[in-house]
Amino acid sequence: MEIVREEYLNKLLCWKEKHVIKVVTGVRRSGKSTILNQYISKIKNEFDIKKEQIQAYDLNDIKFQELTCV
């Protein structure tokens, strides 16, 4: 079961038309990826944003290994 965090989604939606990078930060395992995925789904479905207009990166993916500072 997925919990929808309307307050956080609405804050992100306020910035939808702004030409800035949206970054969600927080402690580990706090639902950052879930909120971003919900935001992406919402803007794709409700605002007819195309998949090609969205860039999301999972830095845990092996193809981004060279970007980590560890």
PDB file of N, CA and C in Angstrom:
ATOM      1  N   MET A   1       0.841  -1.173   0.000  1.00  0.00           N
ATOM      2  CA  MET A   1       0.000   0.000   0.000  1.00  0.00           C
ATOM      3  C   MET A   1       0.893   1.246   0.000  1.00  0.00           C
ATOM      4  N   GLU A   2       0.617   2.135  -0.901  1.00  0.00           N
ATOM      5  CA  GLU A   2       1.401   3.345  -1.038  1.00  0.00           C
ATOM      6  C   GLU A   2       0.665   4.519  -0.393  1.00  0.00           C
ATOM      7  N   ILE A   3       1.371   5.268   0.432  1.00  0.00           N
ATOM      8  CA  ILE A   3       0.790   6.435   1.087  1.00  0.00           C
ATOM      9  C   ILE A   3       1.062   7.659   0.232  1.00  0.00           C
ATOM     10  N   VAL A   4       0.008   8.393  -0.102  1.00  0.00           N
ATOM     11  CA  VAL A   4       0.154   9.606  -0.899  1.00  0.00           C
ATOM     12  C   VAL A   4       0.324  10.780   0.059  1.00  0.00           C
ATOM     13  N   ARG A   5       1.422  11.476  -0.076  1.00  0.00           N
ATOM     14  CA  ARG A   5       1.733  12.637   0.760  1.00  0.00           C
ATOM     15  C   ARG A   5       1.300  13.904   0.023  1.00  0.00           C
ATOM     16  N   GLU A   6       0.015  14.232   0.144  1.00  0.00           N
ATOM     17  CA  GLU A   6      -0.557  15.357  -0.597  1.00  0.00           C
ATOM     18  C   GLU A   6       0.155  16.676  -0.311  1.00  0.00           C
ATOM     19  N   GLU A   7       0.546  16.905   0.933  1.00  0.00           N
ATOM     20  CA  GLU A   7       1.202  18.166   1.291  1.00  0.00           C
ATOM     21  C   GLU A   7       2.503  18.344   0.501  1.00  0.00           C
ATOM     22  N   TYR A   8       3.296  17.291   0.445  1.00  0.00           N
ATOM     23  CA  TYR A   8       4.565  17.374  -0.281  1.00  0.00           C
ATOM     24  C   TYR A   8       4.344  17.447  -1.786  1.00  0.00           C
ATOM     25  N   LEU A   9       3.368  16.699  -2.274  1.00  0.00           N
ATOM     26  CA  LEU A   9       3.067  16.755  -3.706  1.00  0.00           C
ATOM     27  C   LEU A   9       2.608  18.153  -4.107  1.00  0.00           C
ATOM     28  N   ASN A  10       1.774  18.776  -3.274  1.00  0.00           N
ATOM     29  CA  ASN A  10       1.307  20.130  -3.580  1.00  0.00           C
ATOM     30  C   ASN A  10       2.449  21.131  -3.569  1.00  0.00           C
ATOM     31  N   LYS A  11       3.406  20.955  -2.665  1.00  0.00           N
ATOM     32  CA  LYS A  11       4.573  21.849  -2.651  1.00  0.00           C
ATOM     33  C   LYS A  11       5.371  21.704  -3.943  1.00  0.00           C
ATOM     34  N   LEU A  12       5.538  20.470  -4.403  1.00  0.00           N
ATOM     35  CA  LEU A  12       6.242  20.255  -5.671  1.00  0.00           C
ATOM     36  C   LEU A  12       5.457  20.850  -6.835  1.00  0.00           C
ATOM     37  N   LEU A  13       4.139  20.689  -6.810  1.00  0.00           N
ATOM     38  CA  LEU A  13       3.312  21.202  -7.896  1.00  0.00           C
ATOM     39  C   LEU A  13       3.356  22.722  -7.983  1.00  0.00           C
ATOM     40  N   CYS A  14       3.555  23.394  -6.868  1.00  0.00           N
ATOM     41  CA  CYS A  14       3.687  24.863  -6.886  1.00  0.00           C
ATOM     42  C   CYS A  14       4.890  25.291  -7.718  1.00  0.00           C
ATOM     43  N   TRP A  15       5.877  24.436  -7.820  1.00  0.00           N
ATOM     44  CA  TRP A  15       7.100  24.744  -8.564  1.00  0.00           C
ATOM     45  C   TRP A  15       7.103  24.172  -9.976  1.00  0.00           C
ATOM     46  N   LYS A  16       5.986  23.573 -10.385  1.00  0.00           N
ATOM     47  CA  LYS A  16       5.934  22.875 -11.670  1.00  0.00           C
ATOM     48  C   LYS A  16       6.299  23.769 -12.850  1.00  0.00           C
ATOM     49  N   GLU A  17       5.824  24.983 -12.874  1.00  0.00           N
ATOM     50  CA  GLU A  17       6.057  25.883 -14.006  1.00  0.00           C
ATOM     51  C   GLU A  17       7.375  26.660 -13.897  1.00  0.00           C
ATOM     52  N   LYS A  18       8.065  26.507 -12.797  1.00  0.00           N
ATOM     53  CA  LYS A  18       9.334  27.214 -12.615  1.00  0.00           C
ATOM     54  C   LYS A  18      10.450  26.430 -13.299  1.00  0.00           C
ATOM     55  N   HIS A  19      11.325  27.133 -13.933  1.00  0.00           N
ATOM     56  CA  HIS A  19      12.443  26.495 -14.638  1.00  0.00           C
ATOM     57  C   HIS A  19      13.625  26.315 -13.694  1.00  0.00           C
ATOM     58  N   VAL A  20      13.402  25.499 -12.685  1.00  0.00           N
ATOM     59  CA  VAL A  20      14.443  25.149 -11.724  1.00  0.00           C
ATOM     60  C   VAL A  20      14.427  23.640 -11.542  1.00  0.00           C
ATOM     61  N   ILE A  21      15.522  23.109 -11.114  1.00  0.00           N
ATOM     62  CA  ILE A  21      15.610  21.677 -10.841  1.00  0.00           C
ATOM     63  C   ILE A  21      14.941  21.402  -9.506  1.00  0.00           C
ATOM     64  N   LYS A  22      14.082  20.416  -9.481  1.00  0.00           N
ATOM     65  CA  LYS A  22      13.413  20.030  -8.242  1.00  0.00           C
ATOM     66  C   LYS A  22      14.222  18.934  -7.559  1.00  0.00           C
ATOM     67  N   VAL A  23      14.589  19.149  -6.312  1.00  0.00           N
ATOM     68  CA  VAL A  23      15.373  18.186  -5.558  1.00  0.00           C
ATOM     69  C   VAL A  23      14.647  17.906  -4.256  1.00  0.00           C
ATOM     70  N   VAL A  24      14.475  16.645  -3.956  1.00  0.00           N
ATOM     71  CA  VAL A  24      13.854  16.245  -2.696  1.00  0.00           C
ATOM     72  C   VAL A  24      14.942  15.629  -1.835  1.00  0.00           C
ATOM     73  N   THR A  25      15.120  16.161  -0.639  1.00  0.00           N
ATOM     74  CA  THR A  25      16.137  15.648   0.266  1.00  0.00           C
ATOM     75  C   THR A  25      15.483  15.168   1.552  1.00  0.00           C
ATOM     76  N   GLY A  26      16.182  14.327   2.250  1.00  0.00           N
ATOM     77  CA  GLY A  26      15.676  13.820   3.522  1.00  0.00           C
ATOM     78  C   GLY A  26      16.535  12.667   4.009  1.00  0.00           C
ATOM     79  N   VAL A  27      16.193  12.202   5.190  1.00  0.00           N
ATOM     80  CA  VAL A  27      16.945  11.096   5.765  1.00  0.00           C
ATOM     81  C   VAL A  27      16.689   9.824   4.969  1.00  0.00           C
ATOM     82  N   ARG A  28      17.549   8.882   5.165  1.00  0.00           N
ATOM     83  CA  ARG A  28      17.475   7.599   4.476  1.00  0.00           C
ATOM     84  C   ARG A  28      16.152   6.911   4.777  1.00  0.00           C
ATOM     85  N   ARG A  29      15.552   6.313   3.725  1.00  0.00           N
ATOM     86  CA  ARG A  29      14.320   5.524   3.839  1.00  0.00           C
ATOM     87  C   ARG A  29      13.114   6.348   4.289  1.00  0.00           C
ATOM     88  N   SER A  30      13.086   7.637   3.914  1.00  0.00           N
ATOM     89  CA  SER A  30      11.983   8.494   4.334  1.00  0.00           C
ATOM     90  C   SER A  30      10.911   8.660   3.264  1.00  0.00           C
ATOM     91  N   GLY A  31      11.109   8.065   2.088  1.00  0.00           N
ATOM     92  CA  GLY A  31      10.095   8.116   1.043  1.00  0.00           C
ATOM     93  C   GLY A  31      10.356   9.132  -0.050  1.00  0.00           C
ATOM     94  N   LYS A  32      11.591   9.583  -0.184  1.00  0.00           N
ATOM     95  CA  LYS A  32      11.925  10.587  -1.195  1.00  0.00           C
ATOM     96  C   LYS A  32      11.633  10.084  -2.609  1.00  0.00           C
ATOM     97  N   SER A  33      12.072   8.894  -2.912  1.00  0.00           N
ATOM     98  CA  SER A  33      11.845   8.327  -4.247  1.00  0.00           C
ATOM     99  C   SER A  33      10.362   8.109  -4.505  1.00  0.00           C
ATOM    100  N   THR A  34       9.650   7.681  -3.494  1.00  0.00           N
ATOM    101  CA  THR A  34       8.211   7.457  -3.629  1.00  0.00           C
ATOM    102  C   THR A  34       7.494   8.762  -3.952  1.00  0.00           C
ATOM    103  N   ILE A  35       7.845   9.835  -3.243  1.00  0.00           N
ATOM    104  CA  ILE A  35       7.217  11.134  -3.498  1.00  0.00           C
ATOM    105  C   ILE A  35       7.535  11.616  -4.912  1.00  0.00           C
ATOM    106  N   LEU A  36       8.787  11.463  -5.333  1.00  0.00           N
ATOM    107  CA  LEU A  36       9.145  11.883  -6.683  1.00  0.00           C
ATOM    108  C   LEU A  36       8.423  11.052  -7.739  1.00  0.00           C
ATOM    109  N   ASN A  37       8.292   9.756  -7.521  1.00  0.00           N
ATOM    110  CA  ASN A  37       7.555   8.912  -8.471  1.00  0.00           C
ATOM    111  C   ASN A  37       6.080   9.294  -8.515  1.00  0.00           C
ATOM    112  N   GLN A  38       5.491   9.634  -7.364  1.00  0.00           N
ATOM    113  CA  GLN A  38       4.100  10.088  -7.339  1.00  0.00           C
ATOM    114  C   GLN A  38       3.957  11.419  -8.086  1.00  0.00           C
ATOM    115  N   TYR A  39       4.920  12.304  -7.899  1.00  0.00           N
ATOM    116  CA  TYR A  39       4.916  13.592  -8.600  1.00  0.00           C
ATOM    117  C   TYR A  39       5.004  13.384 -10.113  1.00  0.00           C
ATOM    118  N   ILE A  40       5.903  12.519 -10.530  1.00  0.00           N
ATOM    119  CA  ILE A  40       6.054  12.235 -11.958  1.00  0.00           C
ATOM    120  C   ILE A  40       4.760  11.670 -12.527  1.00  0.00           C
ATOM    121  N   SER A  41       4.148  10.725 -11.831  1.00  0.00           N
ATOM    122  CA  SER A  41       2.883  10.152 -12.295  1.00  0.00           C
ATOM    123  C   SER A  41       1.797  11.215 -12.396  1.00  0.00           C
ATOM    124  N   LYS A  42       1.736  12.060 -11.397  1.00  0.00           N
ATOM    125  CA  LYS A  42       0.700  13.097 -11.364  1.00  0.00           C
ATOM    126  C   LYS A  42       0.858  14.081 -12.520  1.00  0.00           C
ATOM    127  N   ILE A  43       2.066  14.561 -12.761  1.00  0.00           N
ATOM    128  CA  ILE A  43       2.227  15.548 -13.836  1.00  0.00           C
ATOM    129  C   ILE A  43       2.071  14.908 -15.218  1.00  0.00           C
ATOM    130  N   LYS A  44       2.444  13.629 -15.351  1.00  0.00           N
ATOM    131  CA  LYS A  44       2.242  12.946 -16.633  1.00  0.00           C
ATOM    132  C   LYS A  44       0.761  12.761 -16.915  1.00  0.00           C
ATOM    133  N   ASN A  45      -0.008  12.390 -15.900  1.00  0.00           N
ATOM    134  CA  ASN A  45      -1.429  12.093 -16.092  1.00  0.00           C
ATOM    135  C   ASN A  45      -2.306  13.345 -16.130  1.00  0.00           C
ATOM    136  N   GLU A  46      -2.086  14.279 -15.215  1.00  0.00           N
ATOM    137  CA  GLU A  46      -2.981  15.425 -15.094  1.00  0.00           C
ATOM    138  C   GLU A  46      -2.598  16.616 -15.961  1.00  0.00           C
ATOM    139  N   PHE A  47      -1.331  16.736 -16.311  1.00  0.00           N
ATOM    140  CA  PHE A  47      -0.883  17.911 -17.042  1.00  0.00           C
ATOM    141  C   PHE A  47      -0.326  17.572 -18.412  1.00  0.00           C
ATOM    142  N   ASP A  48      -0.495  16.330 -18.836  1.00  0.00           N
ATOM    143  CA  ASP A  48      -0.070  15.896 -20.162  1.00  0.00           C
ATOM    144  C   ASP A  48       1.404  16.205 -20.428  1.00  0.00           C
ATOM    145  N   ILE A  49       2.231  15.948 -19.433  1.00  0.00           N
ATOM    146  CA  ILE A  49       3.680  16.095 -19.589  1.00  0.00           C
ATOM    147  C   ILE A  49       4.211  14.797 -20.191  1.00  0.00           C
ATOM    148  N   LYS A  50       5.006  14.910 -21.223  1.00  0.00           N
ATOM    149  CA  LYS A  50       5.538  13.719 -21.881  1.00  0.00           C
ATOM    150  C   LYS A  50       6.704  13.125 -21.093  1.00  0.00           C
ATOM    151  N   LYS A  51       6.862  11.825 -21.222  1.00  0.00           N
ATOM    152  CA  LYS A  51       7.938  11.106 -20.542  1.00  0.00           C
ATOM    153  C   LYS A  51       9.302  11.684 -20.899  1.00  0.00           C
ATOM    154  N   GLU A  52       9.462  12.125 -22.141  1.00  0.00           N
ATOM    155  CA  GLU A  52      10.735  12.666 -22.610  1.00  0.00           C
ATOM    156  C   GLU A  52      11.092  13.989 -21.936  1.00  0.00           C
ATOM    157  N   GLN A  53      10.128  14.647 -21.329  1.00  0.00           N
ATOM    158  CA  GLN A  53      10.363  15.924 -20.672  1.00  0.00           C
ATOM    159  C   GLN A  53      10.814  15.762 -19.214  1.00  0.00           C
ATOM    160  N   ILE A  54      10.847  14.538 -18.736  1.00  0.00           N
ATOM    161  CA  ILE A  54      11.178  14.276 -17.336  1.00  0.00           C
ATOM    162  C   ILE A  54      12.507  13.548 -17.264  1.00  0.00           C
ATOM    163  N   GLN A  55      13.374  14.026 -16.403  1.00  0.00           N
ATOM    164  CA  GLN A  55      14.641  13.349 -16.172  1.00  0.00           C
ATOM    165  C   GLN A  55      14.717  12.963 -14.703  1.00  0.00           C
ATOM    166  N   ALA A  56      14.854  11.687 -14.457  1.00  0.00           N
ATOM    167  CA  ALA A  56      14.989  11.183 -13.087  1.00  0.00           C
ATOM    168  C   ALA A  56      16.113  10.152 -13.093  1.00  0.00           C
ATOM    169  N   TYR A  57      16.979  10.237 -12.103  1.00  0.00           N
ATOM    170  CA  TYR A  57      18.139   9.365 -12.051  1.00  0.00           C
ATOM    171  C   TYR A  57      18.189   8.637 -10.717  1.00  0.00           C
ATOM    172  N   ASP A  58      18.367   7.339 -10.787  1.00  0.00           N
ATOM    173  CA  ASP A  58      18.572   6.529  -9.586  1.00  0.00           C
ATOM    174  C   ASP A  58      20.076   6.328  -9.453  1.00  0.00           C
ATOM    175  N   LEU A  59      20.684   7.076  -8.553  1.00  0.00           N
ATOM    176  CA  LEU A  59      22.137   7.026  -8.429  1.00  0.00           C
ATOM    177  C   LEU A  59      22.633   5.722  -7.807  1.00  0.00           C
ATOM    178  N   ASN A  60      21.715   4.854  -7.397  1.00  0.00           N
ATOM    179  CA  ASN A  60      22.107   3.525  -6.938  1.00  0.00           C
ATOM    180  C   ASN A  60      22.249   2.557  -8.107  1.00  0.00           C
ATOM    181  N   ASP A  61      21.804   2.976  -9.282  1.00  0.00           N
ATOM    182  CA  ASP A  61      21.911   2.159 -10.485  1.00  0.00           C
ATOM    183  C   ASP A  61      23.390   2.014 -10.850  1.00  0.00           C
ATOM    184  N   ILE A  62      23.792   0.835 -11.243  1.00  0.00           N
ATOM    185  CA  ILE A  62      25.188   0.521 -11.553  1.00  0.00           C
ATOM    186  C   ILE A  62      25.745   1.425 -12.656  1.00  0.00           C
ATOM    187  N   LYS A  63      24.905   1.889 -13.577  1.00  0.00           N
ATOM    188  CA  LYS A  63      25.422   2.710 -14.668  1.00  0.00           C
ATOM    189  C   LYS A  63      25.848   4.105 -14.215  1.00  0.00           C
ATOM    190  N   PHE A  64      25.479   4.479 -12.992  1.00  0.00           N
ATOM    191  CA  PHE A  64      25.903   5.770 -12.447  1.00  0.00           C
ATOM    192  C   PHE A  64      26.993   5.607 -11.391  1.00  0.00           C
ATOM    193  N   GLN A  65      27.587   4.448 -11.308  1.00  0.00           N
ATOM    194  CA  GLN A  65      28.599   4.141 -10.292  1.00  0.00           C
ATOM    195  C   GLN A  65      29.749   5.133 -10.312  1.00  0.00           C
ATOM    196  N   GLU A  66      30.142   5.584 -11.485  1.00  0.00           N
ATOM    197  CA  GLU A  66      31.280   6.495 -11.593  1.00  0.00           C
ATOM    198  C   GLU A  66      30.980   7.888 -11.024  1.00  0.00           C
ATOM    199  N   LEU A  67      29.716   8.205 -10.789  1.00  0.00           N
ATOM    200  CA  LEU A  67      29.351   9.515 -10.257  1.00  0.00           C
ATOM    201  C   LEU A  67      29.413   9.587  -8.735  1.00  0.00           C
ATOM    202  N   THR A  68      29.524   8.450  -8.069  1.00  0.00           N
ATOM    203  CA  THR A  68      29.517   8.453  -6.626  1.00  0.00           C
ATOM    204  C   THR A  68      30.880   8.895  -6.077  1.00  0.00           C
ATOM    205  N   CYS A  69      30.866   9.454  -4.889  1.00  0.00           N
ATOM    206  CA  CYS A  69      32.088   9.981  -4.273  1.00  0.00           C
ATOM    207  C   CYS A  69      32.653   9.002  -3.233  1.00  0.00           C
ATOM    208  N   VAL A  70      32.189   7.807  -3.209  1.00  0.00           N
ATOM    209  CA  VAL A  70      32.619   6.836  -2.177  1.00  0.00           C
ATOM    210  C   VAL A  70      33.951   6.246  -2.534  1.00  0.00           C
TER     211      VAL A  70
END
